[in-house]
Amino acid sequence: MRTLFNGLCLSSLLVTGVSAQTLSSPLPPGTPPPASAEGAALPHGQGAGVHSPLSPFAPLPKRSDVVAWSTLTDITTKVEKKRIVPVYPAPVAALNQKTLRLQGFMMPLEPGENQRHFLLASVPLTCGFCTPGGPESMVEVRTRTPVKYKLEAVVVEGTFHVLQNDPYGLYYRITNAVGVP
């Protein structure tokens, strides 16, 4: 996993002289924000993690019992000791050490039908070699018991961790997780 994030995660890059930025938008300055299928502008923090209307997988169904990805992706960053680090707003920081549910798409980290350690992403994978967004749109999941791999969205519940200085460049982790129907 270290190799994956060293190559793809902005938080592991060494940078100098860069001001704080939002990682979730790959758009150049001055570009209007993308619109959803309904034509409305997407909420802040939804850039790289936006579900493509061309995807063969259905987008995440609305659920009131899960933390919204728009909450987790609505962060900024700053440069600290030549590293880009996340700056969590109060609503995100308040989630630390809470038992909560997340909904997303599985990115297995090991082979096999049953997974105990995987990434949960806000959008489905479109390439086996690429991450579907930045570290703000993925959560590392460690489960109590194996969860069967699915291409469709899954829901997990466990202890949520807001990470301050993860060596892999991750921003979030959920531990002691179980699958939820």
C-alpha atoms as a PDB file:
ATOM      1  CA  MET A   1       0.000   0.000   0.000  1.00  0.00           C
ATOM      2  CA  ARG A   2       2.896   2.386   0.712  1.00  0.00           C
ATOM      3  CA  THR A   3       3.936   2.292  -2.951  1.00  0.00           C
ATOM      4  CA  LEU A   4       0.386   3.043  -4.083  1.00  0.00           C
ATOM      5  CA  PHE A   5       0.084   6.168  -1.971  1.00  0.00           C
ATOM      6  CA  ASN A   6       3.671   7.351  -2.414  1.00  0.00           C
ATOM      7  CA  GLY A   7       2.975   7.652  -6.120  1.00  0.00           C
ATOM      8  CA  LEU A   8      -0.592   8.879  -6.003  1.00  0.00           C
ATOM      9  CA  CYS A   9      -1.241  10.769  -2.792  1.00  0.00           C
ATOM     10  CA  LEU A  10      -0.636  14.498  -2.674  1.00  0.00           C
ATOM     11  CA  SER A  11      -0.055  14.429   1.051  1.00  0.00           C
ATOM     12  CA  SER A  12       3.170  12.452   0.587  1.00  0.00           C
ATOM     13  CA  LEU A  13       4.725  14.918  -1.859  1.00  0.00           C
ATOM     14  CA  LEU A  14       7.508  17.206  -0.745  1.00  0.00           C
ATOM     15  CA  VAL A  15       6.638  20.755  -1.674  1.00  0.00           C
ATOM     16  CA  THR A  16       8.044  24.185  -1.030  1.00  0.00           C
ATOM     17  CA  GLY A  17       6.355  27.545  -1.277  1.00  0.00           C
ATOM     18  CA  VAL A  18       2.848  26.196  -1.956  1.00  0.00           C
ATOM     19  CA  SER A  19      -0.145  27.845  -0.326  1.00  0.00           C
ATOM     20  CA  ALA A  20      -3.020  25.883   1.192  1.00  0.00           C
ATOM     21  CA  GLN A  21      -5.281  24.272  -1.342  1.00  0.00           C
ATOM     22  CA  THR A  22      -8.312  22.038  -1.648  1.00  0.00           C
ATOM     23  CA  LEU A  23      -7.221  18.639  -2.945  1.00  0.00           C
ATOM     24  CA  SER A  24     -10.548  17.547  -4.278  1.00  0.00           C
ATOM     25  CA  SER A  25     -10.713  19.730  -7.384  1.00  0.00           C
ATOM     26  CA  PRO A  26      -8.491  19.097 -10.403  1.00  0.00           C
ATOM     27  CA  LEU A  27      -9.944  22.126 -12.226  1.00  0.00           C
ATOM     28  CA  PRO A  28      -7.684  25.036 -13.175  1.00  0.00           C
ATOM     29  CA  PRO A  29      -8.342  28.398 -11.484  1.00  0.00           C
ATOM     30  CA  GLY A  30     -11.281  30.297 -12.954  1.00  0.00           C
ATOM     31  CA  THR A  31     -13.010  27.170 -14.293  1.00  0.00           C
ATOM     32  CA  PRO A  32     -16.668  27.013 -13.254  1.00  0.00           C
ATOM     33  CA  PRO A  33     -17.479  24.048 -10.980  1.00  0.00           C
ATOM     34  CA  PRO A  34     -18.873  20.953 -12.724  1.00  0.00           C
ATOM     35  CA  ALA A  35     -22.617  20.404 -12.640  1.00  0.00           C
ATOM     36  CA  SER A  36     -24.431  17.298 -11.462  1.00  0.00           C
ATOM     37  CA  ALA A  37     -26.734  15.304 -13.729  1.00  0.00           C
ATOM     38  CA  GLU A  38     -29.573  17.551 -12.547  1.00  0.00           C
ATOM     39  CA  GLY A  39     -27.622  20.645 -13.640  1.00  0.00           C
ATOM     40  CA  ALA A  40     -26.917  22.032 -10.159  1.00  0.00           C
ATOM     41  CA  ALA A  41     -23.379  22.963  -9.179  1.00  0.00           C
ATOM     42  CA  LEU A  42     -21.698  20.259  -7.130  1.00  0.00           C
ATOM     43  CA  PRO A  43     -21.035  21.010  -3.457  1.00  0.00           C
ATOM     44  CA  HIS A  44     -17.531  22.041  -2.400  1.00  0.00           C
ATOM     45  CA  GLY A  45     -15.180  19.100  -1.919  1.00  0.00           C
ATOM     46  CA  GLN A  46     -16.724  16.922  -4.612  1.00  0.00           C
ATOM     47  CA  GLY A  47     -14.212  17.489  -7.473  1.00  0.00           C
ATOM     48  CA  ALA A  48     -12.145  14.361  -8.093  1.00  0.00           C
ATOM     49  CA  GLY A  49     -14.605  12.182  -6.195  1.00  0.00           C
ATOM     50  CA  VAL A  50     -17.592  12.987  -8.424  1.00  0.00           C
ATOM     51  CA  HIS A  51     -19.397   9.929  -9.759  1.00  0.00           C
ATOM     52  CA  SER A  52     -19.167   9.990 -13.553  1.00  0.00           C
ATOM     53  CA  PRO A  53     -22.510   9.859 -15.347  1.00  0.00           C
ATOM     54  CA  LEU A  54     -20.750   7.517 -17.809  1.00  0.00           C
ATOM     55  CA  SER A  55     -19.951   4.953 -15.095  1.00  0.00           C
ATOM     56  CA  PRO A  56     -21.515   1.503 -15.572  1.00  0.00           C
ATOM     57  CA  PHE A  57     -22.075   1.390 -11.778  1.00  0.00           C
ATOM     58  CA  ALA A  58     -24.976   3.122 -10.102  1.00  0.00           C
ATOM     59  CA  PRO A  59     -24.078   6.067  -7.843  1.00  0.00           C
ATOM     60  CA  LEU A  60     -24.401   5.689  -4.094  1.00  0.00           C
ATOM     61  CA  PRO A  61     -28.049   5.527  -3.029  1.00  0.00           C
ATOM     62  CA  LYS A  62     -29.126   8.201  -0.534  1.00  0.00           C
ATOM     63  CA  ARG A  63     -29.000   6.935   3.067  1.00  0.00           C
ATOM     64  CA  SER A  64     -29.649   8.969   6.186  1.00  0.00           C
ATOM     65  CA  ASP A  65     -27.715   6.544   8.426  1.00  0.00           C
ATOM     66  CA  VAL A  66     -24.253   7.154   6.880  1.00  0.00           C
ATOM     67  CA  VAL A  67     -21.775  10.041   6.964  1.00  0.00           C
ATOM     68  CA  ALA A  68     -21.959  11.901   3.648  1.00  0.00           C
ATOM     69  CA  TRP A  69     -18.832  11.968   1.507  1.00  0.00           C
ATOM     70  CA  SER A  70     -19.387  15.701   1.036  1.00  0.00           C
ATOM     71  CA  THR A  71     -18.580  16.067   4.749  1.00  0.00           C
ATOM     72  CA  LEU A  72     -15.352  14.049   4.521  1.00  0.00           C
ATOM     73  CA  THR A  73     -14.134  15.703   1.322  1.00  0.00           C
ATOM     74  CA  ASP A  74     -14.793  19.255   2.509  1.00  0.00           C
ATOM     75  CA  ILE A  75     -11.273  19.817   3.847  1.00  0.00           C
ATOM     76  CA  THR A  76      -8.365  22.072   2.992  1.00  0.00           C
ATOM     77  CA  THR A  77      -4.624  21.530   3.209  1.00  0.00           C
ATOM     78  CA  LYS A  78      -1.559  23.417   4.311  1.00  0.00           C
ATOM     79  CA  VAL A  79       2.172  22.992   3.889  1.00  0.00           C
ATOM     80  CA  GLU A  80       3.937  21.933   7.050  1.00  0.00           C
ATOM     81  CA  LYS A  81       7.594  20.854   7.119  1.00  0.00           C
ATOM     82  CA  LYS A  82       7.620  20.483   3.319  1.00  0.00           C
ATOM     83  CA  ARG A  83       4.541  18.204   3.369  1.00  0.00           C
ATOM     84  CA  ILE A  84       0.964  18.852   2.373  1.00  0.00           C
ATOM     85  CA  VAL A  85      -1.179  18.044   5.410  1.00  0.00           C
ATOM     86  CA  PRO A  86      -4.961  18.087   5.855  1.00  0.00           C
ATOM     87  CA  VAL A  87      -6.772  20.776   7.809  1.00  0.00           C
ATOM     88  CA  TYR A  88      -9.994  19.284   9.131  1.00  0.00           C
ATOM     89  CA  PRO A  89     -12.994  21.531   9.768  1.00  0.00           C
ATOM     90  CA  ALA A  90     -14.768  21.140  13.134  1.00  0.00           C
ATOM     91  CA  PRO A  91     -17.553  18.834  11.811  1.00  0.00           C
ATOM     92  CA  VAL A  92     -14.939  16.381  10.478  1.00  0.00           C
ATOM     93  CA  ALA A  93     -12.659  16.570  13.532  1.00  0.00           C
ATOM     94  CA  ALA A  94     -15.706  15.865  15.738  1.00  0.00           C
ATOM     95  CA  LEU A  95     -16.114  12.456  14.039  1.00  0.00           C
ATOM     96  CA  ASN A  96     -12.812  11.164  15.476  1.00  0.00           C
ATOM     97  CA  GLN A  97     -13.235   8.043  17.657  1.00  0.00           C
ATOM     98  CA  LYS A  98     -17.000   7.926  17.010  1.00  0.00           C
ATOM     99  CA  THR A  99     -18.862   4.802  15.912  1.00  0.00           C
ATOM    100  CA  LEU A 100     -20.356   5.597  12.547  1.00  0.00           C
ATOM    101  CA  ARG A 101     -21.404   4.197   9.192  1.00  0.00           C
ATOM    102  CA  LEU A 102     -19.844   4.841   5.809  1.00  0.00           C
ATOM    103  CA  GLN A 103     -21.093   3.894   2.372  1.00  0.00           C
ATOM    104  CA  GLY A 104     -18.803   3.431  -0.596  1.00  0.00           C
ATOM    105  CA  PHE A 105     -17.112   1.180  -3.088  1.00  0.00           C
ATOM    106  CA  MET A 106     -14.521  -1.426  -2.094  1.00  0.00           C
ATOM    107  CA  MET A 107     -10.937  -1.221  -3.317  1.00  0.00           C
ATOM    108  CA  PRO A 108      -9.357  -4.528  -2.204  1.00  0.00           C
ATOM    109  CA  LEU A 109      -5.789  -4.383  -0.920  1.00  0.00           C
ATOM    110  CA  GLU A 110      -5.337  -8.159  -0.944  1.00  0.00           C
ATOM    111  CA  PRO A 111      -6.536 -10.963  -3.226  1.00  0.00           C
ATOM    112  CA  GLY A 112      -9.596 -13.012  -2.396  1.00  0.00           C
ATOM    113  CA  GLU A 113     -13.366 -12.942  -2.279  1.00  0.00           C
ATOM    114  CA  ASN A 114     -13.473 -12.010   1.420  1.00  0.00           C
ATOM    115  CA  GLN A 115     -11.749  -8.844   2.577  1.00  0.00           C
ATOM    116  CA  ARG A 116     -10.631  -7.721   6.053  1.00  0.00           C
ATOM    117  CA  HIS A 117      -8.483  -4.769   4.903  1.00  0.00           C
ATOM    118  CA  PHE A 118      -9.554  -2.540   2.025  1.00  0.00           C
ATOM    119  CA  LEU A 119     -10.129   1.032   0.985  1.00  0.00           C
ATOM    120  CA  LEU A 120     -13.649   2.403   0.792  1.00  0.00           C
ATOM    121  CA  ALA A 121     -13.996   5.016  -1.970  1.00  0.00           C
ATOM    122  CA  SER A 122     -16.662   7.592  -2.688  1.00  0.00           C
ATOM    123  CA  VAL A 123     -16.875   6.499  -6.329  1.00  0.00           C
ATOM    124  CA  PRO A 124     -16.362   3.141  -8.059  1.00  0.00           C
ATOM    125  CA  LEU A 125     -13.022   2.177  -9.531  1.00  0.00           C
ATOM    126  CA  THR A 126     -12.678   2.717 -13.260  1.00  0.00           C
ATOM    127  CA  CYS A 127      -9.095   1.483 -13.509  1.00  0.00           C
ATOM    128  CA  GLY A 128      -7.378  -1.222 -11.460  1.00  0.00           C
ATOM    129  CA  PHE A 129      -4.182   0.852 -11.330  1.00  0.00           C
ATOM    130  CA  CYS A 130      -5.664   4.244 -10.394  1.00  0.00           C
ATOM    131  CA  THR A 131      -7.236   5.728  -7.309  1.00  0.00           C
ATOM    132  CA  PRO A 132     -10.675   7.250  -7.965  1.00  0.00           C
ATOM    133  CA  GLY A 133      -9.871  10.455  -6.067  1.00  0.00           C
ATOM    134  CA  GLY A 134      -7.564  11.952  -3.494  1.00  0.00           C
ATOM    135  CA  PRO A 135      -7.044  10.806   0.083  1.00  0.00           C
ATOM    136  CA  GLU A 136     -10.078  12.821   1.195  1.00  0.00           C
ATOM    137  CA  SER A 137     -12.338  10.540  -0.846  1.00  0.00           C
ATOM    138  CA  MET A 138     -11.063   7.220   0.567  1.00  0.00           C
ATOM    139  CA  VAL A 139     -11.152   5.540   3.975  1.00  0.00           C
ATOM    140  CA  GLU A 140      -8.960   2.635   5.060  1.00  0.00           C
ATOM    141  CA  VAL A 141     -11.175  -0.117   6.506  1.00  0.00           C
ATOM    142  CA  ARG A 142     -10.146  -2.897   8.889  1.00  0.00           C
ATOM    143  CA  THR A 143     -12.974  -5.298   9.697  1.00  0.00           C
ATOM    144  CA  ARG A 144     -13.705  -7.639  12.624  1.00  0.00           C
ATOM    145  CA  THR A 145     -14.764 -10.412  10.270  1.00  0.00           C
ATOM    146  CA  PRO A 146     -14.257 -10.705   6.505  1.00  0.00           C
ATOM    147  CA  VAL A 147     -16.610  -8.794   4.209  1.00  0.00           C
ATOM    148  CA  LYS A 148     -17.460 -10.301   0.823  1.00  0.00           C
ATOM    149  CA  TYR A 149     -16.066  -8.210  -2.058  1.00  0.00           C
ATOM    150  CA  LYS A 150     -18.727  -6.554  -4.211  1.00  0.00           C
ATOM    151  CA  LEU A 151     -18.646  -4.195  -7.156  1.00  0.00           C
ATOM    152  CA  GLU A 152     -21.776  -2.497  -5.827  1.00  0.00           C
ATOM    153  CA  ALA A 153     -21.763  -0.072  -2.908  1.00  0.00           C
ATOM    154  CA  VAL A 154     -21.310  -1.446   0.605  1.00  0.00           C
ATOM    155  CA  VAL A 155     -21.946   0.026   4.055  1.00  0.00           C
ATOM    156  CA  VAL A 156     -19.606  -0.546   6.988  1.00  0.00           C
ATOM    157  CA  GLU A 157     -19.894   0.497  10.618  1.00  0.00           C
ATOM    158  CA  GLY A 158     -17.007   0.876  13.047  1.00  0.00           C
ATOM    159  CA  THR A 159     -14.778   3.255  14.964  1.00  0.00           C
ATOM    160  CA  PHE A 160     -13.831   6.218  12.767  1.00  0.00           C
ATOM    161  CA  HIS A 161     -10.365   7.797  13.029  1.00  0.00           C
ATOM    162  CA  VAL A 162      -9.385  11.216  11.685  1.00  0.00           C
ATOM    163  CA  LEU A 163      -5.669  10.782  10.968  1.00  0.00           C
ATOM    164  CA  GLN A 164      -3.218  13.598  11.667  1.00  0.00           C
ATOM    165  CA  ASN A 165       0.041  12.200  10.290  1.00  0.00           C
ATOM    166  CA  ASP A 166      -0.491   8.842   8.607  1.00  0.00           C
ATOM    167  CA  PRO A 167       2.706   7.398   7.063  1.00  0.00           C
ATOM    168  CA  TYR A 168       0.711   6.246   4.017  1.00  0.00           C
ATOM    169  CA  GLY A 169      -0.872   9.634   3.379  1.00  0.00           C
ATOM    170  CA  LEU A 170      -4.357   8.539   4.440  1.00  0.00           C
ATOM    171  CA  TYR A 171      -6.755  10.994   6.057  1.00  0.00           C
ATOM    172  CA  TYR A 172      -9.295   8.532   7.501  1.00  0.00           C
ATOM    173  CA  ARG A 173      -9.507   4.993   8.883  1.00  0.00           C
ATOM    174  CA  ILE A 174     -12.364   2.901  10.276  1.00  0.00           C
ATOM    175  CA  THR A 175     -11.491  -0.013  12.559  1.00  0.00           C
ATOM    176  CA  ASN A 176     -13.380  -2.913  14.104  1.00  0.00           C
ATOM    177  CA  ALA A 177     -15.806  -2.535  11.217  1.00  0.00           C
ATOM    178  CA  VAL A 178     -18.686  -4.804  10.285  1.00  0.00           C
ATOM    179  CA  GLY A 179     -20.748  -4.963   7.105  1.00  0.00           C
ATOM    180  CA  VAL A 180     -24.213  -3.420   7.329  1.00  0.00           C
ATOM    181  CA  PRO A 181     -27.125  -4.348   5.028  1.00  0.00           C
END
